[in-house]
Amino acid sequence: MCCGCLSSPPKAPAVGSSAVQVSADYRDSMWEHAVVVLHRNHFQVARESKLEGVIETQYRGGSNVLEPWHPDSVGLQNRLESTLQSIRRRVTVSMQSSGPGLMTVSVRVDKEIEDLPGLAANYEGGATFPESQPFNRDLDQVVGQSGPSRWLSIGRDPLLERKLLAQIQSGR
């Protein structure tokens, strides 16, 4: 398969559900436990509103194969993807009333891929002088990238959604 930066990779099939119905009596304890689960999985809470029933996290860079202690990349395929390409994820936990005495707890993980407009100067050999050009006395250090990053949505991460929902539901 040949995919460029701007082509859309195939979407992962949404297997299973990322929502569960629970008794509304456990709303406060479920809320606190959801925050604990997010912190345990290294996601920082950006915004939480009990009135709206929403907990949102900040974006977090995907962990690669050399970072097995970070639990945000579920499975070898996600770890390899995060190793070869810059990936970031954001989690949204929603707790909404779904009937008398019931509430629906849902987890949504949005996944984005970085699209650099040009070459990043942080590559190996990026600060060396090419042989084809005469030597310049410009000694400014080459630091950073040529332009701001753009992030393209590549859908959701159903494996991480199910993992987080199972942890929230089980009380672990």
Protein backbone atom coordinates (compact mmCIF):
# COMPACT_ATOMS: atom_id res chain seq x y z
CA MET A 1 0.00 0.00 0.00
CA CYS A 2 1.38 3.41 -0.94
CA CYS A 3 0.04 6.39 1.00
CA GLY A 4 1.37 9.93 0.92
CA CYS A 5 0.99 12.53 3.63
CA LEU A 6 -2.17 13.97 2.14
CA SER A 7 -3.86 10.70 1.23
CA SER A 8 -6.31 9.30 3.71
CA PRO A 9 -5.36 5.94 5.22
CA PRO A 10 -8.05 3.28 5.47
CA LYS A 11 -10.34 3.78 8.43
CA ALA A 12 -10.30 1.16 11.15
CA PRO A 13 -13.57 -0.72 11.38
CA ALA A 14 -15.64 0.26 14.38
CA VAL A 15 -15.87 -3.08 16.15
CA GLY A 16 -17.90 -3.10 19.34
CA SER A 17 -19.38 -0.10 21.06
CA SER A 18 -17.67 2.72 22.89
CA ALA A 19 -20.72 3.50 25.07
CA VAL A 20 -22.36 1.77 28.01
CA GLN A 21 -25.52 2.42 30.04
CA VAL A 22 -25.24 2.59 33.82
CA SER A 23 -27.41 3.66 36.71
CA ALA A 24 -27.56 7.44 37.19
CA ASP A 25 -27.01 6.86 40.93
CA TYR A 26 -23.30 6.32 40.21
CA ARG A 27 -22.82 9.54 38.24
CA ASP A 28 -20.41 11.25 40.67
CA SER A 29 -18.28 8.18 41.34
CA MET A 30 -18.19 7.35 37.61
CA TRP A 31 -17.11 10.92 36.87
CA GLU A 32 -14.26 10.81 39.36
CA HIS A 33 -13.20 7.40 38.17
CA ALA A 34 -13.17 8.57 34.53
CA VAL A 35 -10.77 11.39 35.48
CA VAL A 36 -8.53 8.90 37.33
CA VAL A 37 -8.50 6.54 34.32
CA LEU A 38 -7.56 9.40 31.98
CA HIS A 39 -4.69 10.43 34.26
CA ARG A 40 -3.52 6.83 34.60
CA ASN A 41 -3.35 6.63 30.80
CA HIS A 42 -1.29 9.88 30.72
CA PHE A 43 -4.01 12.16 29.30
CA GLN A 44 -4.24 15.61 30.90
CA VAL A 45 -7.76 16.96 31.38
CA ALA A 46 -8.21 20.20 29.45
CA ARG A 47 -11.85 20.83 30.34
CA GLU A 48 -14.49 19.15 32.44
CA SER A 49 -18.07 20.27 32.86
CA LYS A 50 -20.48 18.26 34.99
CA LEU A 51 -23.31 20.47 33.77
CA GLU A 52 -22.64 19.45 30.14
CA GLY A 53 -21.52 15.96 31.15
CA VAL A 54 -18.24 16.21 29.21
CA ILE A 55 -14.57 15.61 30.04
CA GLU A 56 -12.10 16.63 27.32
CA THR A 57 -8.35 16.05 27.35
CA GLN A 58 -5.48 17.87 25.73
CA TYR A 59 -3.87 16.33 22.67
CA ARG A 60 -1.22 13.75 23.48
CA GLY A 61 1.46 12.51 21.12
CA GLY A 62 1.17 8.81 20.35
CA SER A 63 3.69 6.52 22.02
CA ASN A 64 5.98 4.48 19.80
CA VAL A 65 7.59 1.05 20.08
CA LEU A 66 10.42 2.47 22.21
CA GLU A 67 7.93 3.75 24.82
CA PRO A 68 6.10 0.65 26.09
CA TRP A 69 5.30 2.32 29.43
CA HIS A 70 2.87 4.76 27.75
CA PRO A 71 -0.51 3.02 27.36
CA ASP A 72 -2.09 5.32 24.73
CA SER A 73 -1.08 3.28 21.66
CA VAL A 74 -3.05 0.02 21.88
CA GLY A 75 -1.60 -2.85 19.88
CA LEU A 76 1.50 -3.25 17.73
CA GLN A 77 -0.07 -1.65 14.65
CA ASN A 78 -0.80 1.62 16.51
CA ARG A 79 2.69 1.63 18.05
CA LEU A 80 4.33 1.14 14.65
CA GLU A 81 2.17 3.87 13.16
CA SER A 82 3.20 6.27 15.96
CA THR A 83 6.84 5.29 15.43
CA LEU A 84 6.85 6.04 11.70
CA GLN A 85 4.56 9.09 11.72
CA SER A 86 3.65 11.80 14.25
CA ILE A 87 0.25 10.88 15.70
CA ARG A 88 -1.74 12.64 18.40
CA ARG A 89 -4.94 11.70 20.23
CA ARG A 90 -7.60 13.54 22.21
CA VAL A 91 -10.16 11.83 24.45
CA THR A 92 -13.71 13.00 25.12
CA VAL A 93 -15.75 11.24 27.80
CA SER A 94 -19.46 12.00 27.78
CA MET A 95 -22.01 11.17 30.48
CA GLN A 96 -25.57 11.91 29.36
CA SER A 97 -28.98 10.98 30.76
CA SER A 98 -30.59 8.30 28.63
CA GLY A 99 -33.81 7.64 30.48
CA PRO A 100 -35.30 7.55 33.95
CA GLY A 101 -32.52 6.51 36.32
CA LEU A 102 -30.07 5.71 33.51
CA MET A 103 -27.12 7.44 31.92
CA THR A 104 -24.92 6.65 28.94
CA VAL A 105 -21.17 6.82 29.37
CA SER A 106 -19.35 7.12 26.05
CA VAL A 107 -15.69 7.51 25.13
CA ARG A 108 -14.49 9.09 21.89
CA VAL A 109 -10.82 9.15 20.89
CA ASP A 110 -9.99 11.42 17.95
CA LYS A 111 -6.76 10.60 16.16
CA GLU A 112 -4.77 13.01 13.97
CA ILE A 113 -1.66 12.70 11.82
CA GLU A 114 0.91 15.47 11.33
CA ASP A 115 1.36 16.95 7.86
CA LEU A 116 4.45 19.13 7.58
CA PRO A 117 4.30 21.68 4.75
CA GLY A 118 8.05 21.29 4.07
CA LEU A 119 11.11 19.51 5.32
CA ALA A 120 11.78 19.56 9.02
CA ALA A 121 15.28 20.81 9.75
CA ASN A 122 15.59 18.33 12.58
CA TYR A 123 16.50 15.45 10.30
CA GLU A 124 19.88 13.81 10.37
CA GLY A 125 22.38 15.95 8.48
CA GLY A 126 19.99 18.91 8.25
CA ALA A 127 22.61 21.36 9.50
CA THR A 128 25.44 20.21 7.24
CA PHE A 129 26.63 22.10 4.20
CA PRO A 130 25.83 20.61 0.78
CA GLU A 131 28.86 19.95 -1.43
CA SER A 132 27.25 21.50 -4.51
CA GLN A 133 27.14 25.04 -3.07
CA PRO A 134 30.08 27.29 -2.21
CA PHE A 135 30.85 27.79 1.46
CA ASN A 136 28.90 30.64 3.09
CA ARG A 137 29.87 32.47 6.25
CA ASP A 138 26.26 32.45 7.48
CA LEU A 139 26.62 30.67 10.80
CA ASP A 140 22.97 30.88 11.85
CA GLN A 141 21.94 27.66 13.44
CA VAL A 142 19.35 25.58 11.62
CA VAL A 143 16.66 24.94 14.20
CA GLY A 144 13.00 24.07 13.93
CA GLN A 145 10.87 23.36 10.92
CA SER A 146 10.12 25.41 7.83
CA GLY A 147 6.49 26.13 8.71
CA PRO A 148 3.77 25.40 11.23
CA SER A 149 2.45 21.86 11.51
CA ARG A 150 -0.94 20.92 10.17
CA TRP A 151 -2.87 18.08 11.71
CA LEU A 152 -5.20 15.95 9.60
CA SER A 153 -7.95 13.90 11.18
CA ILE A 154 -7.67 10.18 10.47
CA GLY A 155 -10.80 9.22 12.39
CA ARG A 156 -11.23 7.53 15.70
CA ASP A 157 -9.20 4.99 17.67
CA PRO A 158 -11.71 2.23 18.56
CA LEU A 159 -9.16 0.06 20.40
CA LEU A 160 -8.25 2.84 22.83
CA GLU A 161 -11.94 3.80 23.19
CA ARG A 162 -12.86 0.27 24.25
CA LYS A 163 -9.85 0.01 26.59
CA LEU A 164 -10.68 3.30 28.38
CA LEU A 165 -14.39 2.46 28.60
CA ALA A 166 -13.63 -0.97 30.09
CA GLN A 167 -11.36 0.64 32.70
CA ILE A 168 -13.99 3.26 33.58
CA GLN A 169 -16.72 0.63 33.81
CA SER A 170 -14.71 -1.87 35.85
CA GLY A 171 -13.59 0.59 38.49
CA ARG A 172 -9.89 -0.25 37.99
